[in-house]
Amino acid sequence: MSGATTEGATTVDASAVTVEPETFTLVDYDAAAIAEVAARVWQQVGLPAGQPLLVEVDESTPLGRAWVKSIDPVALTIESGGLEHNHRPRQFDGVAAAQLFGRLLLRVRDRLDPAFGDAPGDDGLTLAQSAAWDAYAMGRVSRLGYDSQRPRRLYQFRVRHGFSDLADAAFDQLWNADGLSWADVARISSSARAQD
């Protein structure tokens, strides 16, 4: 799965995934292709089968912001740039989509796990907390077999936590971890910024 393409892979049941809009006019995306990638990643991260997932794509912006809008029911909001191929403007990129869905759906899985604890909504996270949770999520996405752009994530983490050995060690701790709680993620983020 490294390099993350779904070509030749077994088809998954995407019937529980709703993509809005159903037809794109500003970008050359196909709702069924987006739903298939989302369903595949949903299954890979270990979320319960058959639960509905709503993916709202804002095709009016080329930006790439994406967040968990709700966990009951599960709804994601994505600016269309987050699903766009880096070298082909307005074209869907299944690899980028899988990475993005992995990050968001692992946040969903974390929030649904009572052992993880009570994390703020995505709009309530500080920039440092968001970068720390991204590092934790993307490390797990990489272990699913996807190229998770570790250097990019490390740079993003450093921007929010300082360019220091302490920050790099905190990033490595998050990237290589599994089974952390929200308190662990927040504590590692805070400790990385102690030197900043």
N, C-alpha and C. Protein backbone atom coordinates (compact mmCIF):
# COMPACT_ATOMS: atom_id res chain seq x y z
N MET A 1 0.82 -1.21 0.00
CA MET A 1 0.00 0.00 0.00
C MET A 1 0.86 1.26 0.00
N SER A 2 2.16 1.09 0.20
CA SER A 2 3.03 2.26 0.23
C SER A 2 2.92 3.02 -1.08
N GLY A 3 2.94 4.33 -1.00
CA GLY A 3 2.66 5.12 -2.16
C GLY A 3 1.17 5.27 -2.33
N ALA A 4 0.44 4.46 -1.64
CA ALA A 4 -0.99 4.53 -1.45
C ALA A 4 -1.81 4.80 -2.68
N THR A 5 -2.01 3.80 -3.43
CA THR A 5 -2.99 3.88 -4.50
C THR A 5 -3.98 2.76 -4.28
N THR A 6 -5.19 2.97 -4.69
CA THR A 6 -6.19 1.93 -4.49
C THR A 6 -6.41 1.12 -5.76
N GLU A 7 -5.62 1.39 -6.81
CA GLU A 7 -5.78 0.65 -8.05
C GLU A 7 -5.47 -0.82 -7.81
N GLY A 8 -6.34 -1.69 -8.32
CA GLY A 8 -6.11 -3.11 -8.17
C GLY A 8 -6.50 -3.65 -6.81
N ALA A 9 -6.91 -2.79 -5.88
CA ALA A 9 -7.27 -3.23 -4.55
C ALA A 9 -8.71 -3.74 -4.57
N THR A 10 -9.03 -4.55 -3.58
CA THR A 10 -10.40 -5.06 -3.49
C THR A 10 -11.36 -3.92 -3.20
N THR A 11 -12.51 -4.00 -3.78
CA THR A 11 -13.51 -2.96 -3.57
C THR A 11 -14.10 -3.09 -2.17
N VAL A 12 -14.39 -1.96 -1.56
CA VAL A 12 -15.03 -1.97 -0.25
C VAL A 12 -16.44 -1.42 -0.41
N ASP A 13 -17.28 -1.71 0.57
CA ASP A 13 -18.65 -1.23 0.53
C ASP A 13 -18.68 0.22 1.00
N ALA A 14 -18.95 1.12 0.06
CA ALA A 14 -18.98 2.55 0.38
C ALA A 14 -20.40 3.07 0.55
N SER A 15 -21.36 2.16 0.73
CA SER A 15 -22.76 2.57 0.77
C SER A 15 -23.10 3.43 2.00
N ALA A 16 -22.30 3.34 3.06
CA ALA A 16 -22.57 4.13 4.26
C ALA A 16 -21.97 5.53 4.16
N VAL A 17 -21.22 5.80 3.08
CA VAL A 17 -20.55 7.10 2.92
C VAL A 17 -21.37 7.98 1.98
N THR A 18 -21.68 9.19 2.46
CA THR A 18 -22.34 10.18 1.63
C THR A 18 -21.37 11.31 1.36
N VAL A 19 -21.19 11.65 0.10
CA VAL A 19 -20.31 12.75 -0.27
C VAL A 19 -21.18 13.87 -0.82
N GLU A 20 -20.95 15.06 -0.30
CA GLU A 20 -21.65 16.26 -0.79
C GLU A 20 -20.61 17.25 -1.29
N PRO A 21 -20.81 17.81 -2.49
CA PRO A 21 -21.95 17.58 -3.39
C PRO A 21 -21.84 16.23 -4.10
N GLU A 22 -22.96 15.77 -4.63
CA GLU A 22 -22.96 14.51 -5.38
C GLU A 22 -22.29 14.70 -6.73
N THR A 23 -22.39 15.90 -7.29
CA THR A 23 -21.77 16.22 -8.57
C THR A 23 -20.94 17.49 -8.40
N PHE A 24 -19.69 17.43 -8.84
CA PHE A 24 -18.79 18.57 -8.71
C PHE A 24 -18.79 19.37 -10.01
N THR A 25 -18.72 20.69 -9.87
CA THR A 25 -18.72 21.55 -11.05
C THR A 25 -17.45 22.38 -11.17
N LEU A 26 -16.77 22.65 -10.05
CA LEU A 26 -15.57 23.49 -10.08
C LEU A 26 -14.28 22.68 -10.09
N VAL A 27 -14.35 21.45 -9.63
CA VAL A 27 -13.19 20.56 -9.66
C VAL A 27 -13.62 19.26 -10.32
N ASP A 28 -12.65 18.53 -10.86
CA ASP A 28 -12.96 17.29 -11.58
C ASP A 28 -12.85 16.11 -10.61
N TYR A 29 -13.77 16.08 -9.63
CA TYR A 29 -13.80 15.02 -8.64
C TYR A 29 -15.04 14.16 -8.88
N ASP A 30 -14.94 12.92 -8.44
CA ASP A 30 -16.05 12.00 -8.55
C ASP A 30 -16.45 11.58 -7.13
N ALA A 31 -17.70 11.82 -6.76
CA ALA A 31 -18.16 11.52 -5.40
C ALA A 31 -17.98 10.05 -5.06
N ALA A 32 -18.20 9.16 -6.02
CA ALA A 32 -18.06 7.73 -5.76
C ALA A 32 -16.61 7.36 -5.45
N ALA A 33 -15.65 7.99 -6.14
CA ALA A 33 -14.23 7.72 -5.87
C ALA A 33 -13.83 8.20 -4.48
N ILE A 34 -14.34 9.36 -4.09
CA ILE A 34 -14.06 9.88 -2.75
C ILE A 34 -14.66 8.95 -1.70
N ALA A 35 -15.89 8.51 -1.92
CA ALA A 35 -16.57 7.62 -0.98
C ALA A 35 -15.81 6.30 -0.84
N GLU A 36 -15.29 5.78 -1.95
CA GLU A 36 -14.56 4.51 -1.91
C GLU A 36 -13.29 4.63 -1.06
N VAL A 37 -12.54 5.72 -1.26
CA VAL A 37 -11.32 5.92 -0.47
C VAL A 37 -11.68 6.09 1.01
N ALA A 38 -12.69 6.89 1.30
CA ALA A 38 -13.10 7.12 2.69
C ALA A 38 -13.52 5.81 3.35
N ALA A 39 -14.29 4.98 2.63
CA ALA A 39 -14.76 3.71 3.18
C ALA A 39 -13.59 2.77 3.45
N ARG A 40 -12.63 2.74 2.52
CA ARG A 40 -11.46 1.88 2.70
C ARG A 40 -10.66 2.28 3.94
N VAL A 41 -10.43 3.57 4.09
CA VAL A 41 -9.65 4.04 5.24
C VAL A 41 -10.44 3.84 6.53
N TRP A 42 -11.75 4.07 6.48
CA TRP A 42 -12.61 3.82 7.65
C TRP A 42 -12.39 2.40 8.16
N GLN A 43 -12.40 1.45 7.23
CA GLN A 43 -12.21 0.05 7.57
C GLN A 43 -10.80 -0.18 8.13
N GLN A 44 -9.79 0.41 7.49
CA GLN A 44 -8.40 0.19 7.90
C GLN A 44 -8.10 0.75 9.29
N VAL A 45 -8.72 1.86 9.65
CA VAL A 45 -8.42 2.43 10.97
C VAL A 45 -9.21 1.74 12.08
N GLY A 46 -10.13 0.85 11.69
CA GLY A 46 -10.83 0.05 12.69
C GLY A 46 -12.10 0.66 13.24
N LEU A 47 -12.75 1.53 12.47
CA LEU A 47 -14.04 2.07 12.90
C LEU A 47 -15.14 1.05 12.59
N PRO A 48 -16.25 1.08 13.36
CA PRO A 48 -17.31 0.07 13.19
C PRO A 48 -17.93 0.09 11.79
N ALA A 49 -18.08 -1.08 11.23
CA ALA A 49 -18.67 -1.20 9.88
C ALA A 49 -20.12 -0.74 9.89
N GLY A 50 -20.51 -0.14 8.76
CA GLY A 50 -21.91 0.21 8.56
C GLY A 50 -22.36 1.53 9.15
N GLN A 51 -21.51 2.19 9.91
CA GLN A 51 -21.91 3.49 10.45
C GLN A 51 -21.85 4.53 9.36
N PRO A 52 -22.81 5.46 9.34
CA PRO A 52 -22.80 6.48 8.29
C PRO A 52 -21.66 7.48 8.45
N LEU A 53 -21.14 7.91 7.33
CA LEU A 53 -20.09 8.93 7.28
C LEU A 53 -20.51 9.96 6.24
N LEU A 54 -20.51 11.22 6.64
CA LEU A 54 -20.78 12.31 5.72
C LEU A 54 -19.48 13.04 5.43
N VAL A 55 -19.15 13.20 4.15
CA VAL A 55 -17.97 13.95 3.72
C VAL A 55 -18.46 15.15 2.94
N GLU A 56 -18.30 16.34 3.52
CA GLU A 56 -18.69 17.58 2.86
C GLU A 56 -17.45 18.20 2.24
N VAL A 57 -17.46 18.37 0.92
CA VAL A 57 -16.31 18.95 0.22
C VAL A 57 -16.69 20.35 -0.25
N ASP A 58 -15.90 21.32 0.18
CA ASP A 58 -16.11 22.71 -0.27
C ASP A 58 -15.27 22.91 -1.52
N GLU A 59 -15.91 22.79 -2.68
CA GLU A 59 -15.16 22.90 -3.93
C GLU A 59 -14.91 24.34 -4.34
N SER A 60 -15.41 25.30 -3.56
CA SER A 60 -15.26 26.71 -3.92
C SER A 60 -13.90 27.27 -3.54
N THR A 61 -13.08 26.50 -2.82
CA THR A 61 -11.77 26.99 -2.42
C THR A 61 -10.69 25.97 -2.76
N PRO A 62 -9.52 26.44 -3.23
CA PRO A 62 -8.42 25.52 -3.50
C PRO A 62 -7.59 25.23 -2.25
N LEU A 63 -7.99 25.79 -1.12
CA LEU A 63 -7.24 25.55 0.12
C LEU A 63 -7.48 24.12 0.59
N GLY A 64 -6.71 23.67 1.57
CA GLY A 64 -6.76 22.27 1.95
C GLY A 64 -7.12 22.00 3.38
N ARG A 65 -7.77 22.93 4.05
CA ARG A 65 -8.14 22.71 5.45
C ARG A 65 -9.17 21.59 5.53
N ALA A 66 -9.07 20.77 6.56
CA ALA A 66 -10.01 19.67 6.76
C ALA A 66 -10.17 19.44 8.25
N TRP A 67 -11.40 19.13 8.67
CA TRP A 67 -11.63 18.94 10.09
C TRP A 67 -12.80 18.00 10.32
N VAL A 68 -12.85 17.48 11.56
CA VAL A 68 -13.96 16.65 12.00
C VAL A 68 -15.05 17.60 12.45
N LYS A 69 -16.16 17.60 11.73
CA LYS A 69 -17.27 18.49 12.06
C LYS A 69 -18.12 17.92 13.19
N SER A 70 -18.28 16.60 13.20
CA SER A 70 -19.13 15.95 14.19
C SER A 70 -18.70 14.50 14.33
N ILE A 71 -18.90 13.93 15.52
CA ILE A 71 -18.65 12.48 15.66
C ILE A 71 -19.95 11.71 15.86
N ASP A 72 -21.07 12.40 16.03
CA ASP A 72 -22.35 11.71 16.19
C ASP A 72 -23.45 12.49 15.50
N PRO A 73 -23.69 12.22 14.22
CA PRO A 73 -23.03 11.25 13.35
C PRO A 73 -21.67 11.77 12.88
N VAL A 74 -20.86 10.87 12.33
CA VAL A 74 -19.53 11.27 11.88
C VAL A 74 -19.65 12.10 10.61
N ALA A 75 -19.11 13.32 10.67
CA ALA A 75 -19.14 14.22 9.52
C ALA A 75 -17.79 14.92 9.41
N LEU A 76 -17.24 14.95 8.21
CA LEU A 76 -15.97 15.60 7.93
C LEU A 76 -16.22 16.74 6.95
N THR A 77 -15.52 17.85 7.13
CA THR A 77 -15.56 18.95 6.18
C THR A 77 -14.16 19.13 5.60
N ILE A 78 -14.10 19.20 4.28
CA ILE A 78 -12.81 19.24 3.60
C ILE A 78 -12.84 20.31 2.51
N GLU A 79 -11.87 21.21 2.53
CA GLU A 79 -11.70 22.14 1.42
C GLU A 79 -11.07 21.36 0.26
N SER A 80 -11.51 21.63 -0.95
CA SER A 80 -11.17 20.75 -2.07
C SER A 80 -9.68 20.60 -2.33
N GLY A 81 -8.88 21.58 -1.92
CA GLY A 81 -7.43 21.46 -2.11
C GLY A 81 -6.83 20.29 -1.35
N GLY A 82 -7.50 19.84 -0.29
CA GLY A 82 -7.01 18.71 0.47
C GLY A 82 -7.08 17.39 -0.28
N LEU A 83 -7.88 17.36 -1.32
CA LEU A 83 -8.06 16.14 -2.12
C LEU A 83 -7.45 16.26 -3.51
N GLU A 84 -6.75 17.36 -3.75
CA GLU A 84 -6.26 17.69 -5.08
C GLU A 84 -4.87 17.13 -5.34
N HIS A 85 -4.65 16.69 -6.55
CA HIS A 85 -3.33 16.21 -6.97
C HIS A 85 -2.37 17.39 -7.02
N ASN A 86 -1.17 17.21 -6.48
CA ASN A 86 -0.18 18.30 -6.42
C ASN A 86 0.23 18.83 -7.79
N HIS A 87 0.22 17.97 -8.80
CA HIS A 87 0.71 18.37 -10.12
C HIS A 87 -0.38 18.47 -11.18
N ARG A 88 -1.61 18.19 -10.78
CA ARG A 88 -2.72 18.27 -11.73
C ARG A 88 -3.88 19.04 -11.08
N PRO A 89 -3.89 20.34 -11.25
CA PRO A 89 -4.91 21.17 -10.60
C PRO A 89 -6.33 20.69 -10.89
N ARG A 90 -7.14 20.71 -9.84
CA ARG A 90 -8.56 20.37 -9.87
C ARG A 90 -8.82 18.90 -10.16
N GLN A 91 -7.76 18.07 -10.09
CA GLN A 91 -7.92 16.62 -10.28
C GLN A 91 -7.82 15.93 -8.92
N PHE A 92 -8.67 14.94 -8.70
CA PHE A 92 -8.69 14.19 -7.45
C PHE A 92 -7.44 13.33 -7.32
N ASP A 93 -6.90 13.25 -6.12
CA ASP A 93 -5.72 12.43 -5.83
C ASP A 93 -6.09 11.44 -4.73
N GLY A 94 -6.24 10.18 -5.09
CA GLY A 94 -6.62 9.16 -4.12
C GLY A 94 -5.58 8.96 -3.03
N VAL A 95 -4.31 9.19 -3.34
CA VAL A 95 -3.25 9.06 -2.35
C VAL A 95 -3.39 10.15 -1.28
N ALA A 96 -3.52 11.40 -1.73
CA ALA A 96 -3.69 12.51 -0.78
C ALA A 96 -4.97 12.33 0.02
N ALA A 97 -6.02 11.85 -0.63
CA ALA A 97 -7.29 11.64 0.06
C ALA A 97 -7.16 10.59 1.15
N ALA A 98 -6.46 9.49 0.86
CA ALA A 98 -6.29 8.43 1.85
C ALA A 98 -5.52 8.95 3.07
N GLN A 99 -4.47 9.74 2.84
CA GLN A 99 -3.71 10.31 3.95
C GLN A 99 -4.60 11.22 4.79
N LEU A 100 -5.36 12.07 4.12
CA LEU A 100 -6.23 13.01 4.81
C LEU A 100 -7.32 12.28 5.59
N PHE A 101 -7.98 11.30 4.96
CA PHE A 101 -9.00 10.53 5.66
C PHE A 101 -8.40 9.76 6.83
N GLY A 102 -7.19 9.25 6.66
CA GLY A 102 -6.54 8.55 7.77
C GLY A 102 -6.37 9.46 8.97
N ARG A 103 -5.87 10.66 8.74
CA ARG A 103 -5.67 11.62 9.84
C ARG A 103 -6.99 11.95 10.53
N LEU A 104 -8.01 12.27 9.74
CA LEU A 104 -9.29 12.67 10.33
C LEU A 104 -10.01 11.50 11.00
N LEU A 105 -10.01 10.35 10.36
CA LEU A 105 -10.74 9.22 10.92
C LEU A 105 -10.05 8.63 12.14
N LEU A 106 -8.73 8.80 12.25
CA LEU A 106 -8.07 8.40 13.49
C LEU A 106 -8.45 9.35 14.63
N ARG A 107 -8.65 10.62 14.31
CA ARG A 107 -9.17 11.53 15.34
C ARG A 107 -10.57 11.10 15.78
N VAL A 108 -11.38 10.68 14.82
CA VAL A 108 -12.72 10.18 15.16
C VAL A 108 -12.59 8.96 16.06
N ARG A 109 -11.75 8.00 15.65
CA ARG A 109 -11.58 6.78 16.44
C ARG A 109 -11.09 7.12 17.85
N ASP A 110 -10.14 8.04 17.95
CA ASP A 110 -9.66 8.46 19.27
C ASP A 110 -10.81 9.00 20.11
N ARG A 111 -11.59 9.91 19.52
CA ARG A 111 -12.67 10.54 20.27
C ARG A 111 -13.75 9.54 20.71
N LEU A 112 -13.96 8.50 19.93
CA LEU A 112 -14.97 7.50 20.27
C LEU A 112 -14.47 6.50 21.32
N ASP A 113 -13.18 6.50 21.58
CA ASP A 113 -12.58 5.58 22.54
C ASP A 113 -12.61 6.21 23.93
N PRO A 114 -13.38 5.66 24.87
CA PRO A 114 -13.44 6.25 26.22
C PRO A 114 -12.07 6.37 26.88
N ALA A 115 -11.15 5.44 26.55
CA ALA A 115 -9.82 5.49 27.15
C ALA A 115 -9.01 6.69 26.67
N PHE A 116 -9.37 7.24 25.52
CA PHE A 116 -8.63 8.39 25.00
C PHE A 116 -8.92 9.64 25.81
N GLY A 117 -10.13 9.75 26.34
CA GLY A 117 -10.48 10.92 27.13
C GLY A 117 -11.19 11.96 26.30
N ASP A 118 -11.43 13.09 26.91
CA ASP A 118 -12.27 14.13 26.31
C ASP A 118 -11.41 15.21 25.66
N ALA A 119 -11.19 15.05 24.35
CA ALA A 119 -10.41 16.05 23.61
C ALA A 119 -11.33 17.17 23.15
N PRO A 120 -10.81 18.39 23.03
CA PRO A 120 -11.63 19.47 22.47
C PRO A 120 -12.02 19.18 21.03
N GLY A 121 -13.09 19.82 20.56
CA GLY A 121 -13.43 19.73 19.14
C GLY A 121 -12.29 20.33 18.32
N ASP A 122 -12.25 20.01 17.04
CA ASP A 122 -11.17 20.51 16.20
C ASP A 122 -11.05 22.03 16.25
N ASP A 123 -12.20 22.72 16.35
CA ASP A 123 -12.14 24.18 16.41
C ASP A 123 -11.70 24.70 17.77
N GLY A 124 -11.60 23.82 18.76
CA GLY A 124 -11.15 24.22 20.09
C GLY A 124 -9.70 23.89 20.38
N LEU A 125 -9.02 23.27 19.42
CA LEU A 125 -7.61 22.91 19.60
C LEU A 125 -6.71 24.11 19.37
N THR A 126 -5.65 24.22 20.15
CA THR A 126 -4.62 25.21 19.83
C THR A 126 -3.86 24.70 18.60
N LEU A 127 -3.12 25.58 17.95
CA LEU A 127 -2.33 25.15 16.79
C LEU A 127 -1.30 24.10 17.19
N ALA A 128 -0.72 24.25 18.37
CA ALA A 128 0.26 23.27 18.85
C ALA A 128 -0.40 21.92 19.11
N GLN A 129 -1.56 21.93 19.75
CA GLN A 129 -2.26 20.67 20.01
C GLN A 129 -2.66 19.98 18.72
N SER A 130 -3.11 20.75 17.75
CA SER A 130 -3.50 20.18 16.47
C SER A 130 -2.29 19.54 15.78
N ALA A 131 -1.15 20.21 15.81
CA ALA A 131 0.07 19.66 15.20
C ALA A 131 0.51 18.38 15.92
N ALA A 132 0.36 18.36 17.25
CA ALA A 132 0.73 17.18 18.02
C ALA A 132 -0.19 16.01 17.70
N TRP A 133 -1.49 16.26 17.64
CA TRP A 133 -2.43 15.19 17.32
C TRP A 133 -2.21 14.70 15.89
N ASP A 134 -1.89 15.62 14.97
CA ASP A 134 -1.58 15.22 13.60
C ASP A 134 -0.37 14.29 13.57
N ALA A 135 0.67 14.61 14.35
CA ALA A 135 1.86 13.76 14.39
C ALA A 135 1.49 12.37 14.89
N TYR A 136 0.68 12.31 15.93
CA TYR A 136 0.25 11.03 16.49
C TYR A 136 -0.58 10.26 15.47
N ALA A 137 -1.51 10.94 14.79
CA ALA A 137 -2.36 10.28 13.80
C ALA A 137 -1.55 9.82 12.59
N MET A 138 -0.70 10.70 12.07
CA MET A 138 0.00 10.36 10.83
C MET A 138 1.04 9.27 11.03
N GLY A 139 1.60 9.16 12.22
CA GLY A 139 2.48 8.03 12.50
C GLY A 139 1.72 6.71 12.36
N ARG A 140 0.49 6.70 12.85
CA ARG A 140 -0.34 5.50 12.73
C ARG A 140 -0.77 5.27 11.28
N VAL A 141 -1.05 6.35 10.54
CA VAL A 141 -1.38 6.22 9.12
C VAL A 141 -0.20 5.60 8.37
N SER A 142 1.01 6.00 8.72
CA SER A 142 2.19 5.44 8.05
C SER A 142 2.29 3.94 8.31
N ARG A 143 1.88 3.50 9.50
CA ARG A 143 1.94 2.07 9.81
C ARG A 143 0.83 1.27 9.12
N LEU A 144 -0.14 1.98 8.55
CA LEU A 144 -1.15 1.32 7.70
C LEU A 144 -0.60 1.09 6.29
N GLY A 145 0.58 1.65 6.01
CA GLY A 145 1.22 1.44 4.71
C GLY A 145 1.19 2.63 3.79
N TYR A 146 0.72 3.78 4.28
CA TYR A 146 0.66 4.97 3.44
C TYR A 146 1.89 5.85 3.67
N ASP A 147 2.33 6.51 2.61
CA ASP A 147 3.38 7.52 2.72
C ASP A 147 2.76 8.72 3.44
N SER A 148 3.25 8.99 4.63
CA SER A 148 2.61 10.02 5.46
C SER A 148 3.40 11.31 5.54
N GLN A 149 4.36 11.49 4.65
CA GLN A 149 5.11 12.74 4.55
C GLN A 149 5.71 13.15 5.90
N ARG A 150 6.49 12.25 6.47
CA ARG A 150 7.07 12.50 7.79
C ARG A 150 7.85 13.81 7.86
N PRO A 151 8.70 14.15 6.88
CA PRO A 151 9.43 15.43 6.98
C PRO A 151 8.50 16.64 7.04
N ARG A 152 7.42 16.60 6.27
CA ARG A 152 6.45 17.70 6.29
C ARG A 152 5.80 17.81 7.66
N ARG A 153 5.42 16.67 8.23
CA ARG A 153 4.78 16.67 9.55
C ARG A 153 5.74 17.12 10.64
N LEU A 154 7.01 16.73 10.52
CA LEU A 154 8.01 17.17 11.49
C LEU A 154 8.19 18.69 11.42
N TYR A 155 8.24 19.22 10.21
CA TYR A 155 8.39 20.67 10.06
C TYR A 155 7.19 21.40 10.66
N GLN A 156 5.99 20.90 10.36
CA GLN A 156 4.77 21.50 10.91
C GLN A 156 4.82 21.47 12.45
N PHE A 157 5.28 20.36 13.00
CA PHE A 157 5.38 20.24 14.46
C PHE A 157 6.40 21.24 15.01
N ARG A 158 7.54 21.36 14.34
CA ARG A 158 8.58 22.29 14.79
C ARG A 158 8.09 23.74 14.76
N VAL A 159 7.32 24.09 13.74
CA VAL A 159 6.80 25.45 13.64
C VAL A 159 5.96 25.79 14.88
N ARG A 160 5.21 24.83 15.37
CA ARG A 160 4.31 25.05 16.52
C ARG A 160 4.96 24.79 17.87
N HIS A 161 6.10 24.07 17.89
CA HIS A 161 6.70 23.67 19.16
C HIS A 161 8.15 24.12 19.32
N GLY A 162 8.69 24.77 18.31
CA GLY A 162 10.08 25.22 18.39
C GLY A 162 11.01 24.27 17.65
N PHE A 163 12.10 24.84 17.18
CA PHE A 163 13.11 24.07 16.46
C PHE A 163 14.18 23.67 17.47
N SER A 164 13.97 22.54 18.12
CA SER A 164 14.88 22.13 19.19
C SER A 164 14.93 20.62 19.27
N ASP A 165 15.95 20.11 19.94
CA ASP A 165 16.05 18.66 20.16
C ASP A 165 14.87 18.17 20.99
N LEU A 166 14.41 19.00 21.92
CA LEU A 166 13.27 18.64 22.76
C LEU A 166 12.02 18.44 21.91
N ALA A 167 11.78 19.37 20.99
CA ALA A 167 10.62 19.26 20.10
C ALA A 167 10.74 18.03 19.20
N ASP A 168 11.93 17.77 18.67
CA ASP A 168 12.12 16.62 17.80
C ASP A 168 11.88 15.31 18.56
N ALA A 169 12.34 15.25 19.81
CA ALA A 169 12.11 14.04 20.62
C ALA A 169 10.62 13.85 20.90
N ALA A 170 9.91 14.95 21.14
CA ALA A 170 8.47 14.87 21.38
C ALA A 170 7.75 14.39 20.12
N PHE A 171 8.17 14.91 18.98
CA PHE A 171 7.57 14.47 17.71
C PHE A 171 7.77 12.97 17.53
N ASP A 172 9.00 12.49 17.75
CA ASP A 172 9.28 11.06 17.60
C ASP A 172 8.42 10.22 18.54
N GLN A 173 8.23 10.72 19.76
CA GLN A 173 7.41 10.01 20.73
C GLN A 173 5.96 9.87 20.23
N LEU A 174 5.42 10.95 19.69
CA LEU A 174 4.06 10.93 19.16
C LEU A 174 3.97 10.06 17.91
N TRP A 175 4.92 10.22 16.99
CA TRP A 175 4.90 9.51 15.72
C TRP A 175 4.94 7.99 15.91
N ASN A 176 5.72 7.55 16.88
CA ASN A 176 5.92 6.11 17.08
C ASN A 176 4.94 5.48 18.05
N ALA A 177 4.03 6.27 18.60
CA ALA A 177 3.15 5.80 19.66
C ALA A 177 1.88 5.16 19.13
N ASP A 178 1.26 4.39 20.00
CA ASP A 178 -0.08 3.87 19.80
C ASP A 178 -0.69 3.77 21.20
N GLY A 179 -2.00 3.98 21.29
CA GLY A 179 -2.65 3.84 22.59
C GLY A 179 -2.50 5.03 23.51
N LEU A 180 -2.15 6.20 22.98
CA LEU A 180 -2.06 7.39 23.84
C LEU A 180 -3.46 7.90 24.19
N SER A 181 -3.53 8.63 25.27
CA SER A 181 -4.76 9.34 25.63
C SER A 181 -4.62 10.79 25.20
N TRP A 182 -5.74 11.53 25.25
CA TRP A 182 -5.67 12.95 24.95
C TRP A 182 -4.74 13.65 25.93
N ALA A 183 -4.79 13.25 27.21
CA ALA A 183 -3.90 13.84 28.22
C ALA A 183 -2.44 13.63 27.85
N ASP A 184 -2.11 12.45 27.29
CA ASP A 184 -0.74 12.18 26.86
C ASP A 184 -0.33 13.10 25.72
N VAL A 185 -1.21 13.23 24.71
CA VAL A 185 -0.91 14.08 23.56
C VAL A 185 -0.70 15.52 24.00
N ALA A 186 -1.61 16.02 24.85
CA ALA A 186 -1.51 17.40 25.34
C ALA A 186 -0.26 17.60 26.18
N ARG A 187 0.08 16.61 27.02
CA ARG A 187 1.27 16.72 27.86
C ARG A 187 2.55 16.73 27.02
N ILE A 188 2.62 15.86 26.03
CA ILE A 188 3.82 15.81 25.16
C ILE A 188 3.95 17.13 24.40
N SER A 189 2.83 17.65 23.93
CA SER A 189 2.85 18.94 23.23
C SER A 189 3.36 20.04 24.16
N SER A 190 2.82 20.10 25.38
CA SER A 190 3.24 21.14 26.34
C SER A 190 4.70 21.01 26.70
N SER A 191 5.17 19.78 26.89
CA SER A 191 6.57 19.58 27.30
C SER A 191 7.50 20.00 26.16
N ALA A 192 7.08 19.79 24.92
CA ALA A 192 7.91 20.18 23.77
C ALA A 192 8.05 21.69 23.68
N ARG A 193 7.04 22.41 24.15
CA ARG A 193 7.04 23.87 24.06
C ARG A 193 7.71 24.50 25.28
N ALA A 194 8.06 23.71 26.27
CA ALA A 194 8.64 24.24 27.50
C ALA A 194 9.91 25.02 27.23
N GLN A 195 10.64 24.61 26.20
CA GLN A 195 11.91 25.25 25.86
C GLN A 195 11.69 26.41 24.89
N ASP A 196 10.50 26.49 24.30
CA ASP A 196 10.23 27.48 23.26
C ASP A 196 10.09 28.87 23.87
